[in-house]
């Protein structure tokens, strides 16, 4: 067992009971697995996302990126065109997926430390009538920015386009009703705010939208429509071998989310973690990369110290020795590092982290 806390945006630190849930083997054909676990997960996910009955959920083996690829590759037909709204690494990844799949696209890029400009999005939609689908990342973990998903969704739907929201790092940790927001498809992963472990992603999508996608997929194993059809017709059966232990752990994680008080309660915990972290880091001399008005409660980026003796690898190693694992930076033009606020992490953990951080500022002692 590792003896450190993962302060990352996923994989993240999970509860002991989520870990214990993986200690039993399951048969992928058995009703105790498919009907009693997979189907219940699918129903709970839709319930977490919206009160609207017009949505269904599909679970897909693999990483979060695999699920994004399954969604893009299934929902868009050969004559469709995608508008990608990009202000970070994960927006660029959506565009890269579209390139691999030979899907026509326009990429509207914004600075990594800024939120998308609605007027510029509107201008593209006015000028390019060929666009049929729009995709955007909700919480861009490159920087920790929380993009204005509701505003963008309303704008996109006013043009009668399909809106796809990559909520990989926000779903389950930030309150939302995708029906009210007019999101057509939301994508997330087991190992993020619901606090499961890596192994599958999921899509919560309008049933009417998915029903017309037969034969569109550009991949056998990443065919979202066929996976959905199999789960619908065979009561939770996966087309190919499912990650049974991971799925059972996710079921436990969902129960623990409910026991905590639901998404709102988890959002409050994450927000308190983030606020305490930012305040403490400021007192230690670290400056947050993102303005508070744009900051998510998921992950926080900090400028690296400008001292010539600062070295992230050494800083990381010293923190790890004290029981904390953080993330390097991903911003293209800024030297920074990131600290996650999610997972089985509480106020006392952030307080201990701040004490450890102070002792690890070796460059101040040179």
Protein backbone atom coordinates (compact mmCIF):
# COMPACT_ATOMS: atom_id res chain seq x y z
CA UNK A 1 0.00 0.00 0.00
CA UNK A 2 1.36 3.43 -0.92
CA UNK A 3 1.73 5.83 1.98
CA UNK A 4 1.06 9.08 0.19
CA UNK A 5 -1.96 11.23 -0.62
CA UNK A 6 -2.69 11.86 -4.31
CA UNK A 7 -3.36 15.58 -4.71
CA UNK A 8 -4.05 15.16 -8.41
CA UNK A 9 -7.09 15.53 -10.70
CA UNK A 10 -7.45 11.75 -11.07
CA UNK A 11 -6.45 9.06 -10.45
CA UNK A 12 -7.00 10.30 -6.93
CA UNK A 13 -6.98 9.06 -3.37
CA UNK A 14 -9.94 6.74 -2.78
CA UNK A 15 -11.56 5.54 0.43
CA UNK A 16 -10.59 2.24 2.02
CA UNK A 17 -14.11 0.93 1.35
CA UNK A 18 -13.81 1.70 -2.38
CA UNK A 19 -10.53 -0.23 -2.43
CA UNK A 20 -12.10 -3.13 -0.51
CA UNK A 21 -14.93 -3.33 -3.05
CA UNK A 22 -12.40 -4.61 -5.61
CA UNK A 23 -11.51 -7.67 -3.54
CA UNK A 24 -14.25 -9.89 -5.02
CA UNK A 25 -14.31 -11.45 -8.49
CA UNK A 26 -17.39 -11.07 -10.71
CA UNK A 27 -18.80 -12.87 -13.74
CA UNK A 28 -19.64 -10.56 -16.63
CA UNK A 29 -22.67 -12.69 -17.58
CA UNK A 30 -24.19 -12.91 -14.11
CA UNK A 31 -27.33 -10.97 -13.14
CA UNK A 32 -25.72 -10.13 -9.79
CA UNK A 33 -23.25 -8.05 -11.78
CA UNK A 34 -25.17 -6.78 -14.81
CA UNK A 35 -28.61 -6.09 -13.38
CA UNK A 36 -27.73 -5.39 -9.76
CA UNK A 37 -24.59 -3.30 -10.35
CA UNK A 38 -24.19 -2.04 -13.94
CA UNK A 39 -27.83 -1.13 -14.49
CA UNK A 40 -28.06 0.57 -11.10
CA UNK A 41 -24.93 2.58 -11.92
CA UNK A 42 -26.46 3.67 -15.23
CA UNK A 43 -29.65 4.81 -13.51
CA UNK A 44 -27.78 6.62 -10.74
CA UNK A 45 -25.58 8.47 -13.23
CA UNK A 46 -28.57 9.84 -15.11
CA UNK A 47 -30.14 10.82 -11.79
CA UNK A 48 -26.99 12.70 -10.77
CA UNK A 49 -26.90 14.53 -14.10
CA UNK A 50 -30.50 15.63 -14.53
CA UNK A 51 -34.16 15.22 -13.61
CA UNK A 52 -34.94 15.09 -17.34
CA UNK A 53 -36.13 11.61 -18.35
CA UNK A 54 -34.89 12.01 -21.91
CA UNK A 55 -31.33 10.90 -21.16
CA UNK A 56 -29.56 7.55 -20.98
CA UNK A 57 -26.07 6.57 -19.88
CA UNK A 58 -23.45 4.36 -21.50
CA UNK A 59 -20.34 2.96 -19.83
CA UNK A 60 -17.21 2.49 -21.96
CA UNK A 61 -14.04 0.53 -21.15
CA UNK A 62 -10.78 2.46 -21.10
CA UNK A 63 -9.56 5.91 -20.18
CA UNK A 64 -11.51 9.14 -20.21
CA UNK A 65 -9.93 9.94 -23.57
CA UNK A 66 -11.25 6.64 -24.95
CA UNK A 67 -14.75 7.71 -23.96
CA UNK A 68 -14.33 11.14 -25.55
CA UNK A 69 -13.20 9.40 -28.74
CA UNK A 70 -16.18 7.02 -28.62
CA UNK A 71 -18.54 9.97 -28.25
CA UNK A 72 -17.04 12.13 -30.99
CA UNK A 73 -16.65 9.14 -33.30
CA UNK A 74 -20.24 7.99 -32.83
CA UNK A 75 -22.32 11.17 -32.53
CA UNK A 76 -20.88 12.85 -35.63
CA UNK A 77 -21.77 11.51 -39.06
CA UNK A 78 -19.65 11.79 -42.20
CA UNK A 79 -21.36 15.02 -43.29
CA UNK A 80 -21.19 16.70 -39.87
CA UNK A 81 -18.73 19.36 -38.75
CA UNK A 82 -17.36 19.94 -35.26
CA UNK A 83 -16.52 23.24 -33.60
CA UNK A 84 -13.95 22.69 -30.83
CA UNK A 85 -13.71 25.42 -28.19
CA UNK A 86 -10.16 25.16 -26.87
CA UNK A 87 -8.38 26.85 -23.97
CA UNK A 88 -6.11 24.06 -22.78
CA UNK A 89 -4.59 20.64 -23.32
CA UNK A 90 -7.88 18.75 -23.16
CA UNK A 91 -9.65 20.99 -25.65
CA UNK A 92 -6.73 20.34 -27.98
CA UNK A 93 -7.14 16.62 -27.37
CA UNK A 94 -10.73 16.75 -28.66
CA UNK A 95 -9.42 18.38 -31.82
CA UNK A 96 -6.70 15.74 -32.11
CA UNK A 97 -9.34 13.01 -31.87
CA UNK A 98 -11.36 14.66 -34.64
CA UNK A 99 -8.21 14.81 -36.79
CA UNK A 100 -7.51 11.11 -36.28
CA UNK A 101 -11.11 10.27 -37.19
CA UNK A 102 -11.10 12.50 -40.29
CA UNK A 103 -13.96 14.58 -38.93
CA UNK A 104 -14.24 18.06 -40.41
CA UNK A 105 -13.65 20.65 -37.72
CA UNK A 106 -13.00 24.25 -36.82
CA UNK A 107 -10.93 24.99 -33.72
CA UNK A 108 -11.61 28.22 -31.86
CA UNK A 109 -8.65 28.70 -29.53
CA UNK A 110 -8.38 31.00 -26.53
CA UNK A 111 -5.43 31.69 -24.21
CA UNK A 112 -4.91 28.98 -21.61
CA UNK A 113 -5.39 31.47 -18.78
CA UNK A 114 -8.67 32.90 -20.14
CA UNK A 115 -12.23 31.63 -20.47
CA UNK A 116 -13.87 31.35 -23.91
CA UNK A 117 -15.38 34.55 -25.30
CA UNK A 118 -19.09 34.07 -26.10
CA UNK A 119 -19.08 36.78 -28.76
CA UNK A 120 -16.28 35.05 -30.65
CA UNK A 121 -18.13 31.72 -30.46
CA UNK A 122 -21.26 33.43 -31.74
CA UNK A 123 -19.31 34.95 -34.62
CA UNK A 124 -18.05 31.53 -35.73
CA UNK A 125 -21.55 30.06 -35.52
CA UNK A 126 -22.91 32.98 -37.55
CA UNK A 127 -20.29 32.61 -40.26
CA UNK A 128 -19.98 28.82 -40.55
CA UNK A 129 -23.37 27.25 -41.22
CA UNK A 130 -21.77 23.83 -41.79
CA UNK A 131 -21.09 23.37 -38.06
CA UNK A 132 -23.43 20.77 -36.57
CA UNK A 133 -21.76 19.94 -33.24
CA UNK A 134 -19.84 21.95 -30.65
CA UNK A 135 -17.52 20.46 -28.01
CA UNK A 136 -15.92 22.11 -24.98
CA UNK A 137 -14.16 21.06 -21.79
CA UNK A 138 -15.94 22.11 -18.58
CA UNK A 139 -13.06 22.10 -16.09
CA UNK A 140 -9.83 22.53 -18.03
CA UNK A 141 -7.36 20.83 -15.71
CA UNK A 142 -4.44 22.36 -17.62
CA UNK A 143 -4.98 25.43 -15.45
CA UNK A 144 -7.93 24.69 -13.17
CA UNK A 145 -10.20 27.07 -15.08
CA UNK A 146 -13.94 26.38 -14.92
CA UNK A 147 -15.38 27.25 -18.33
CA UNK A 148 -18.88 28.81 -18.61
CA UNK A 149 -20.66 25.64 -19.67
CA UNK A 150 -24.23 26.89 -19.17
CA UNK A 151 -23.69 30.10 -21.14
CA UNK A 152 -21.98 28.28 -23.99
CA UNK A 153 -24.65 25.56 -24.04
CA UNK A 154 -27.47 28.12 -24.27
CA UNK A 155 -25.67 29.90 -27.09
CA UNK A 156 -25.02 26.67 -29.00
CA UNK A 157 -28.61 25.50 -28.63
CA UNK A 158 -29.91 28.87 -29.86
CA UNK A 159 -28.24 27.89 -33.16
CA UNK A 160 -29.77 24.40 -32.94
CA UNK A 161 -26.38 22.67 -32.76
CA UNK A 162 -25.50 19.56 -30.72
CA UNK A 163 -23.49 20.46 -27.61
CA UNK A 164 -20.97 17.97 -26.20
CA UNK A 165 -19.49 18.76 -22.77
CA UNK A 166 -16.30 17.08 -21.60
CA UNK A 167 -17.02 17.15 -17.85
CA UNK A 168 -14.26 14.68 -17.08
CA UNK A 169 -13.00 16.54 -14.03
CA UNK A 170 -16.20 18.25 -12.88
CA UNK A 171 -19.10 15.77 -12.96
CA UNK A 172 -19.96 14.59 -9.47
CA UNK A 173 -18.05 17.47 -7.88
CA UNK A 174 -19.86 20.52 -9.26
CA UNK A 175 -23.68 20.78 -9.16
CA UNK A 176 -25.31 20.80 -12.59
CA UNK A 177 -28.48 19.71 -14.36
CA UNK A 178 -27.57 18.99 -17.94
CA UNK A 179 -31.21 18.99 -18.96
CA UNK A 180 -31.65 22.55 -17.73
CA UNK A 181 -28.28 23.48 -19.23
CA UNK A 182 -29.32 21.98 -22.61
CA UNK A 183 -26.24 19.77 -22.83
CA UNK A 184 -26.79 16.98 -25.35
CA UNK A 185 -23.96 14.70 -24.21
CA UNK A 186 -21.78 14.81 -21.09
CA UNK A 187 -18.59 12.77 -20.80
CA UNK A 188 -16.81 11.82 -17.59
CA UNK A 189 -14.69 9.10 -16.01
CA UNK A 190 -14.80 6.72 -13.05
CA UNK A 191 -11.65 8.06 -11.40
CA UNK A 192 -12.59 11.71 -10.98
CA UNK A 193 -15.09 13.46 -8.68
CA UNK A 194 -17.19 10.35 -8.00
CA UNK A 195 -13.94 9.00 -6.51
CA UNK A 196 -13.72 5.60 -8.13
CA UNK A 197 -10.63 4.08 -9.75
CA UNK A 198 -9.42 4.19 -13.39
CA UNK A 199 -10.79 1.72 -15.93
CA UNK A 200 -13.88 3.12 -17.62
CA UNK A 201 -15.61 6.31 -18.65
CA UNK A 202 -19.25 7.10 -19.23
CA UNK A 203 -21.49 9.26 -21.37
CA UNK A 204 -24.85 10.71 -20.32
CA UNK A 205 -26.60 11.54 -23.55
CA UNK A 206 -30.01 12.42 -24.93
CA UNK A 207 -31.67 9.16 -25.90
CA UNK A 208 -33.19 10.66 -29.06
CA UNK A 209 -29.74 11.77 -30.20
CA UNK A 210 -28.18 8.36 -29.65
CA UNK A 211 -31.02 6.50 -31.37
CA UNK A 212 -30.04 7.89 -34.80
CA UNK A 213 -26.36 6.91 -34.51
CA UNK A 214 -26.49 3.31 -35.76
CA UNK A 215 -23.59 2.60 -38.11
CA UNK A 216 -21.81 5.92 -37.56
CA UNK A 217 -18.95 4.78 -35.34
CA UNK A 218 -15.47 4.76 -36.82
CA UNK A 219 -14.26 2.04 -34.44
CA UNK A 220 -15.50 -1.40 -33.43
CA UNK A 221 -14.65 -1.23 -29.73
CA UNK A 222 -15.49 2.48 -29.39
CA UNK A 223 -18.97 2.25 -30.89
CA UNK A 224 -21.06 4.14 -28.34
CA UNK A 225 -24.34 3.25 -30.05
CA UNK A 226 -23.71 -0.51 -30.07
CA UNK A 227 -22.51 -0.45 -26.47
CA UNK A 228 -25.71 1.36 -25.51
CA UNK A 229 -27.88 -1.08 -27.45
CA UNK A 230 -26.23 -4.07 -25.77
CA UNK A 231 -26.65 -2.58 -22.30
CA UNK A 232 -30.27 -1.70 -23.01
CA UNK A 233 -31.27 -5.04 -24.50
CA UNK A 234 -29.23 -7.31 -22.21
CA UNK A 235 -29.73 -5.55 -18.87
CA UNK A 236 -26.29 -4.07 -18.34
CA UNK A 237 -24.20 -6.52 -20.41
CA UNK A 238 -21.06 -5.02 -21.94
CA UNK A 239 -20.19 -5.90 -25.56
CA UNK A 240 -16.66 -6.93 -24.59
CA UNK A 241 -15.04 -7.84 -21.27
CA UNK A 242 -15.89 -5.20 -18.69
CA UNK A 243 -13.53 -4.00 -15.91
CA UNK A 244 -15.57 -5.79 -13.24
CA UNK A 245 -13.51 -4.85 -10.19
CA UNK A 246 -13.41 -1.21 -11.25
CA UNK A 247 -17.16 -1.19 -11.86
CA UNK A 248 -17.86 -2.64 -8.42
CA UNK A 249 -15.58 -0.02 -6.84
CA UNK A 250 -17.46 2.70 -8.73
CA UNK A 251 -20.77 1.39 -7.41
CA UNK A 252 -19.36 1.71 -3.89
CA UNK A 253 -18.10 5.22 -4.69
CA UNK A 254 -21.58 6.24 -5.81
CA UNK A 255 -23.05 5.00 -2.52
CA UNK A 256 -20.43 7.03 -0.65
CA UNK A 257 -21.25 10.13 -2.68
CA UNK A 258 -24.88 9.75 -1.64
CA UNK A 259 -23.88 9.19 2.00
CA UNK A 260 -21.79 12.36 1.96
CA UNK A 261 -24.87 14.36 0.97
CA UNK A 262 -24.68 14.26 -2.81
CA UNK A 263 -22.94 16.50 -5.30
CA UNK A 264 -23.68 19.72 -3.42
CA UNK A 265 -22.00 18.44 -0.24
CA UNK A 266 -19.00 17.19 -2.19
CA UNK A 267 -18.77 20.51 -4.01
CA UNK A 268 -18.67 22.31 -0.66
CA UNK A 269 -15.87 20.05 0.59
CA UNK A 270 -13.83 20.51 -2.57
CA UNK A 271 -14.40 24.28 -2.49
CA UNK A 272 -13.30 24.52 1.14
CA UNK A 273 -10.22 22.45 0.30
CA UNK A 274 -9.37 24.79 -2.58
CA UNK A 275 -9.94 27.99 -0.60
CA UNK A 276 -7.84 26.78 2.32
CA UNK A 277 -5.10 25.66 -0.07
CA UNK A 278 -5.01 28.96 -1.96
CA UNK A 279 -4.96 31.03 1.22
CA UNK A 280 -2.18 28.94 2.74
CA UNK A 281 -0.13 28.95 -0.46
CA UNK A 282 -0.45 32.72 -0.69
CA UNK A 283 0.90 33.03 2.85
CA UNK A 284 3.86 30.89 1.78
CA UNK A 285 4.54 33.22 -1.14
CA UNK A 286 2.98 31.16 -3.97
CA UNK A 287 0.70 32.91 -6.47
CA UNK A 288 -2.28 31.18 -8.10
CA UNK A 289 -2.22 31.09 -11.91
CA UNK A 290 -5.96 31.66 -12.39
CA UNK A 291 -8.08 34.54 -11.12
CA UNK A 292 -10.57 33.51 -8.38
CA UNK A 293 -13.53 34.32 -10.67
CA UNK A 294 -12.39 31.59 -13.10
CA UNK A 295 -11.01 29.07 -10.61
CA UNK A 296 -12.60 25.65 -10.22
CA UNK A 297 -12.59 23.71 -6.94
CA UNK A 298 -10.99 20.76 -8.74
CA UNK A 299 -7.31 21.62 -9.23
CA UNK A 300 -5.27 24.77 -8.64
CA UNK A 301 -2.21 25.86 -10.62
CA UNK A 302 0.52 27.93 -8.99
CA UNK A 303 3.38 29.86 -10.53
CA UNK A 304 6.73 28.23 -9.87
CA UNK A 305 9.13 30.21 -7.68
CA UNK A 306 11.48 32.37 -9.74
CA UNK A 307 14.41 31.57 -7.48
CA UNK A 308 17.33 30.11 -9.53
CA UNK A 309 17.69 27.20 -7.13
CA UNK A 310 14.06 26.06 -7.47
CA UNK A 311 13.66 22.69 -9.14
CA UNK A 312 10.23 21.03 -9.47
CA UNK A 313 11.56 17.48 -9.47
CA UNK A 314 13.38 18.05 -6.19
CA UNK A 315 10.36 19.88 -4.73
CA UNK A 316 8.09 17.01 -5.81
CA UNK A 317 10.41 14.41 -4.29
CA UNK A 318 10.61 16.16 -0.94
CA UNK A 319 6.82 16.48 -0.77
CA UNK A 320 6.39 12.82 -1.70
CA UNK A 321 8.71 11.83 1.15
CA UNK A 322 6.31 13.63 3.47
CA UNK A 323 3.30 11.81 2.04
CA UNK A 324 1.96 14.12 -0.70
CA UNK A 325 1.99 13.76 -4.49
CA UNK A 326 1.30 16.85 -6.63
CA UNK A 327 1.21 17.48 -10.41
CA UNK A 328 3.66 19.23 -12.73
CA UNK A 329 2.39 22.14 -14.81
CA UNK A 330 0.96 21.81 -18.33
CA UNK A 331 0.62 25.44 -19.39
CA UNK A 332 2.59 26.01 -22.59
CA UNK A 333 4.07 29.43 -21.79
CA UNK A 334 4.25 29.46 -17.97
CA UNK A 335 6.37 27.55 -15.48
CA UNK A 336 3.91 26.26 -12.88
CA UNK A 337 2.75 23.24 -10.90
CA UNK A 338 -0.70 22.02 -9.85
CA UNK A 339 -2.32 20.70 -6.70
CA UNK A 340 -5.59 18.77 -6.83
CA UNK A 341 -8.35 19.39 -4.29
CA UNK A 342 -10.48 16.33 -4.98
CA UNK A 343 -10.66 12.71 -3.84
CA UNK A 344 -10.73 11.40 -0.28
CA UNK A 345 -9.13 14.65 0.91
CA UNK A 346 -10.33 16.75 3.81
CA UNK A 347 -9.46 19.97 5.62
CA UNK A 348 -6.94 18.29 7.90
CA UNK A 349 -5.13 16.89 4.85
CA UNK A 350 -4.75 20.36 3.34
CA UNK A 351 -3.52 21.71 6.68
CA UNK A 352 -0.88 18.96 6.86
CA UNK A 353 0.08 19.63 3.23
CA UNK A 354 0.69 23.32 3.96
CA UNK A 355 3.00 22.42 6.84
CA UNK A 356 4.87 20.01 4.56
CA UNK A 357 5.08 22.60 1.78
CA UNK A 358 6.71 25.10 4.09
CA UNK A 359 9.38 22.61 5.08
CA UNK A 360 10.02 21.68 1.43
CA UNK A 361 10.82 25.20 0.20
CA UNK A 362 14.51 24.30 0.07
CA UNK A 363 15.43 27.21 -2.25
CA UNK A 364 14.58 29.70 0.50
CA UNK A 365 17.24 28.11 2.70
CA UNK A 366 20.02 28.32 0.12
